[in-house]
C-alpha atoms as a PDB file:
ATOM      1  CA  MET A   1      13.567   0.307   3.628  1.00  0.00           C
ATOM      2  CA  GLN A   2      12.612  -1.133   0.283  1.00  0.00           C
ATOM      3  CA  GLN A   3      16.235  -1.015  -0.881  1.00  0.00           C
ATOM      4  CA  LEU A   4      17.345  -2.875   2.305  1.00  0.00           C
ATOM      5  CA  PHE A   5      14.796  -5.594   1.709  1.00  0.00           C
ATOM      6  CA  LYS A   6      15.944  -5.832  -1.919  1.00  0.00           C
ATOM      7  CA  LEU A   7      19.542  -6.196  -0.817  1.00  0.00           C
ATOM      8  CA  ILE A   8      18.672  -8.926   1.677  1.00  0.00           C
ATOM      9  CA  GLN A   9      17.571 -11.100  -1.160  1.00  0.00           C
ATOM     10  CA  THR A  10      21.117 -11.196  -2.506  1.00  0.00           C
ATOM     11  CA  ARG A  11      23.251 -11.012   0.674  1.00  0.00           C
ATOM     12  CA  SER A  12      23.178 -11.606   4.398  1.00  0.00           C
ATOM     13  CA  ASP A  13      21.014  -9.345   6.588  1.00  0.00           C
ATOM     14  CA  ASP A  14      24.070  -7.937   8.348  1.00  0.00           C
ATOM     15  CA  SER A  15      25.895  -7.265   5.095  1.00  0.00           C
ATOM     16  CA  ALA A  16      22.830  -5.506   3.602  1.00  0.00           C
ATOM     17  CA  LEU A  17      22.390  -3.337   6.769  1.00  0.00           C
ATOM     18  CA  ASP A  18      26.102  -2.456   6.857  1.00  0.00           C
ATOM     19  CA  LEU A  19      25.995  -1.418   3.207  1.00  0.00           C
ATOM     20  CA  MET A  20      22.899   0.828   3.778  1.00  0.00           C
ATOM     21  CA  LEU A  21      24.332   2.439   7.008  1.00  0.00           C
ATOM     22  CA  SER A  22      27.715   3.181   5.366  1.00  0.00           C
ATOM     23  CA  ASP A  23      26.380   4.920   2.317  1.00  0.00           C
ATOM     24  CA  ALA A  24      27.802   8.505   2.124  1.00  0.00           C
ATOM     25  CA  ASP A  25      24.640   9.907   0.421  1.00  0.00           C
ATOM     26  CA  TYR A  26      21.834   8.416   2.568  1.00  0.00           C
ATOM     27  CA  GLY A  27      23.448   6.449   5.462  1.00  0.00           C
ATOM     28  CA  GLU A  28      22.418   8.881   8.187  1.00  0.00           C
ATOM     29  CA  GLU A  29      18.824   9.230   6.823  1.00  0.00           C
ATOM     30  CA  PHE A  30      18.602   5.397   6.548  1.00  0.00           C
ATOM     31  CA  ALA A  31      19.850   5.052  10.200  1.00  0.00           C
ATOM     32  CA  ALA A  32      17.040   7.239  11.415  1.00  0.00           C
ATOM     33  CA  ILE A  33      14.387   5.471   9.434  1.00  0.00           C
ATOM     34  CA  PHE A  34      15.765   2.049  10.422  1.00  0.00           C
ATOM     35  CA  GLU A  35      15.583   3.027  14.099  1.00  0.00           C
ATOM     36  CA  MET A  36      11.901   4.039  13.622  1.00  0.00           C
ATOM     37  CA  TYR A  37      11.317   0.612  11.941  1.00  0.00           C
ATOM     38  CA  ARG A  38      12.923  -1.227  14.828  1.00  0.00           C
ATOM     39  CA  GLU A  39      10.855   0.670  17.373  1.00  0.00           C
ATOM     40  CA  GLU A  40       7.665  -0.099  15.545  1.00  0.00           C
ATOM     41  CA  ARG A  41       8.551  -3.792  15.261  1.00  0.00           C
ATOM     42  CA  SER A  42       9.418  -4.048  18.993  1.00  0.00           C
ATOM     43  CA  GLY A  43       6.189  -2.277  19.896  1.00  0.00           C
ATOM     44  CA  GLY A  44       4.066  -5.151  18.682  1.00  0.00           C
ATOM     45  CA  ALA A  45       1.684  -5.039  15.794  1.00  0.00           C
ATOM     46  CA  PRO A  46       3.005  -3.279  12.615  1.00  0.00           C
ATOM     47  CA  LEU A  47       1.214  -0.176  11.431  1.00  0.00           C
ATOM     48  CA  TRP A  48      -0.098  -2.050   8.375  1.00  0.00           C
ATOM     49  CA  SER A  49      -0.508  -5.822   8.689  1.00  0.00           C
ATOM     50  CA  ALA A  50      -1.294  -8.504   6.133  1.00  0.00           C
ATOM     51  CA  SER A  51      -4.751  -8.670   7.434  1.00  0.00           C
ATOM     52  CA  ASP A  52      -5.214  -4.899   6.921  1.00  0.00           C
ATOM     53  CA  ALA A  53      -4.014  -5.229   3.374  1.00  0.00           C
ATOM     54  CA  ALA A  54      -6.395  -8.190   2.718  1.00  0.00           C
ATOM     55  CA  SER A  55      -9.268  -6.140   4.140  1.00  0.00           C
ATOM     56  CA  PHE A  56      -8.400  -3.277   1.892  1.00  0.00           C
ATOM     57  CA  VAL A  57      -8.316  -5.520  -1.144  1.00  0.00           C
ATOM     58  CA  VAL A  58     -11.769  -6.797  -0.349  1.00  0.00           C
ATOM     59  CA  LYS A  59     -13.049  -3.283   0.218  1.00  0.00           C
ATOM     60  CA  SER A  60     -11.439  -2.099  -3.074  1.00  0.00           C
ATOM     61  CA  LYS A  61     -13.312  -4.762  -4.984  1.00  0.00           C
ATOM     62  CA  GLN A  62     -16.558  -3.924  -3.389  1.00  0.00           C
ATOM     63  CA  ALA A  63     -15.887  -0.264  -3.964  1.00  0.00           C
ATOM     64  CA  PHE A  64     -15.084  -0.795  -7.625  1.00  0.00           C
ATOM     65  CA  ASP A  65     -18.319  -2.839  -8.092  1.00  0.00           C
ATOM     66  CA  ASP A  66     -20.242   0.033  -6.370  1.00  0.00           C
ATOM     67  CA  ARG A  67     -18.443   2.710  -8.449  1.00  0.00           C
ATOM     68  CA  GLU A  68     -16.646   3.981  -5.496  1.00  0.00           C
ATOM     69  CA  LEU A  69     -13.094   5.110  -4.699  1.00  0.00           C
ATOM     70  CA  ALA A  70     -11.639   2.851  -1.981  1.00  0.00           C
ATOM     71  CA  ILE A  71     -10.151   4.709   0.940  1.00  0.00           C
ATOM     72  CA  VAL A  72      -8.034   3.563   3.864  1.00  0.00           C
ATOM     73  CA  ALA A  73      -7.573   5.659   7.029  1.00  0.00           C
ATOM     74  CA  LEU A  74      -5.170   5.071   9.919  1.00  0.00           C
ATOM     75  CA  LEU A  75      -6.812   6.439  13.097  1.00  0.00           C
ATOM     76  CA  PRO A  76      -4.724   7.116  16.162  1.00  0.00           C
ATOM     77  CA  SER A  77      -5.221   4.856  19.130  1.00  0.00           C
ATOM     78  CA  ASP A  78      -3.391   2.264  20.991  1.00  0.00           C
ATOM     79  CA  PRO A  79      -3.114   0.083  19.001  1.00  0.00           C
ATOM     80  CA  HIS A  80      -4.045   2.083  15.907  1.00  0.00           C
ATOM     81  CA  ASP A  81      -7.229   1.457  13.980  1.00  0.00           C
ATOM     82  CA  VAL A  82      -7.358   0.812  10.254  1.00  0.00           C
ATOM     83  CA  VAL A  83     -10.565   1.764   8.606  1.00  0.00           C
ATOM     84  CA  THR A  84     -11.517   1.135   5.011  1.00  0.00           C
ATOM     85  CA  PHE A  85     -14.509   2.626   3.180  1.00  0.00           C
ATOM     86  CA  GLY A  86     -15.628   3.781  -0.234  1.00  0.00           C
ATOM     87  CA  ILE A  87     -16.649   7.270  -1.502  1.00  0.00           C
ATOM     88  CA  PRO A  88     -18.894   7.447  -4.570  1.00  0.00           C
ATOM     89  CA  LEU A  89     -17.122   8.627  -7.656  1.00  0.00           C
ATOM     90  CA  ARG A  90     -19.846  11.178  -8.322  1.00  0.00           C
ATOM     91  CA  TYR A  91     -18.650  13.057  -5.281  1.00  0.00           C
ATOM     92  CA  TYR A  92     -15.477  13.802  -7.248  1.00  0.00           C
ATOM     93  CA  GLY A  93     -17.511  14.919 -10.292  1.00  0.00           C
ATOM     94  CA  ILE A  94     -16.924  11.575 -12.150  1.00  0.00           C
ATOM     95  CA  GLU A  95     -20.121  10.415 -13.808  1.00  0.00           C
ATOM     96  CA  THR A  96     -20.439   6.745 -14.178  1.00  0.00           C
ATOM     97  CA  SER A  97     -23.149   5.177 -16.236  1.00  0.00           C
END
């Protein structure tokens, strides 16, 4: 998907999609991934939204200040839940002074 988005910056959407689908090495694999992407997009909210990313950035800053490792968890539900939290570095045997 990243390669598709990169191609779209230099050519039309249809041209980029055609190029990805016709590739002999990964065209079939890309077609399957693209279909999952389309289903996710048509289902409403994306798995990871801009708001989720912003929340994780804030939590990461707080975790760093508290000497913690920032963690994100995607919990199954309809729609899914995104939970962010921090785990103290000392839990991993990392001493911080």
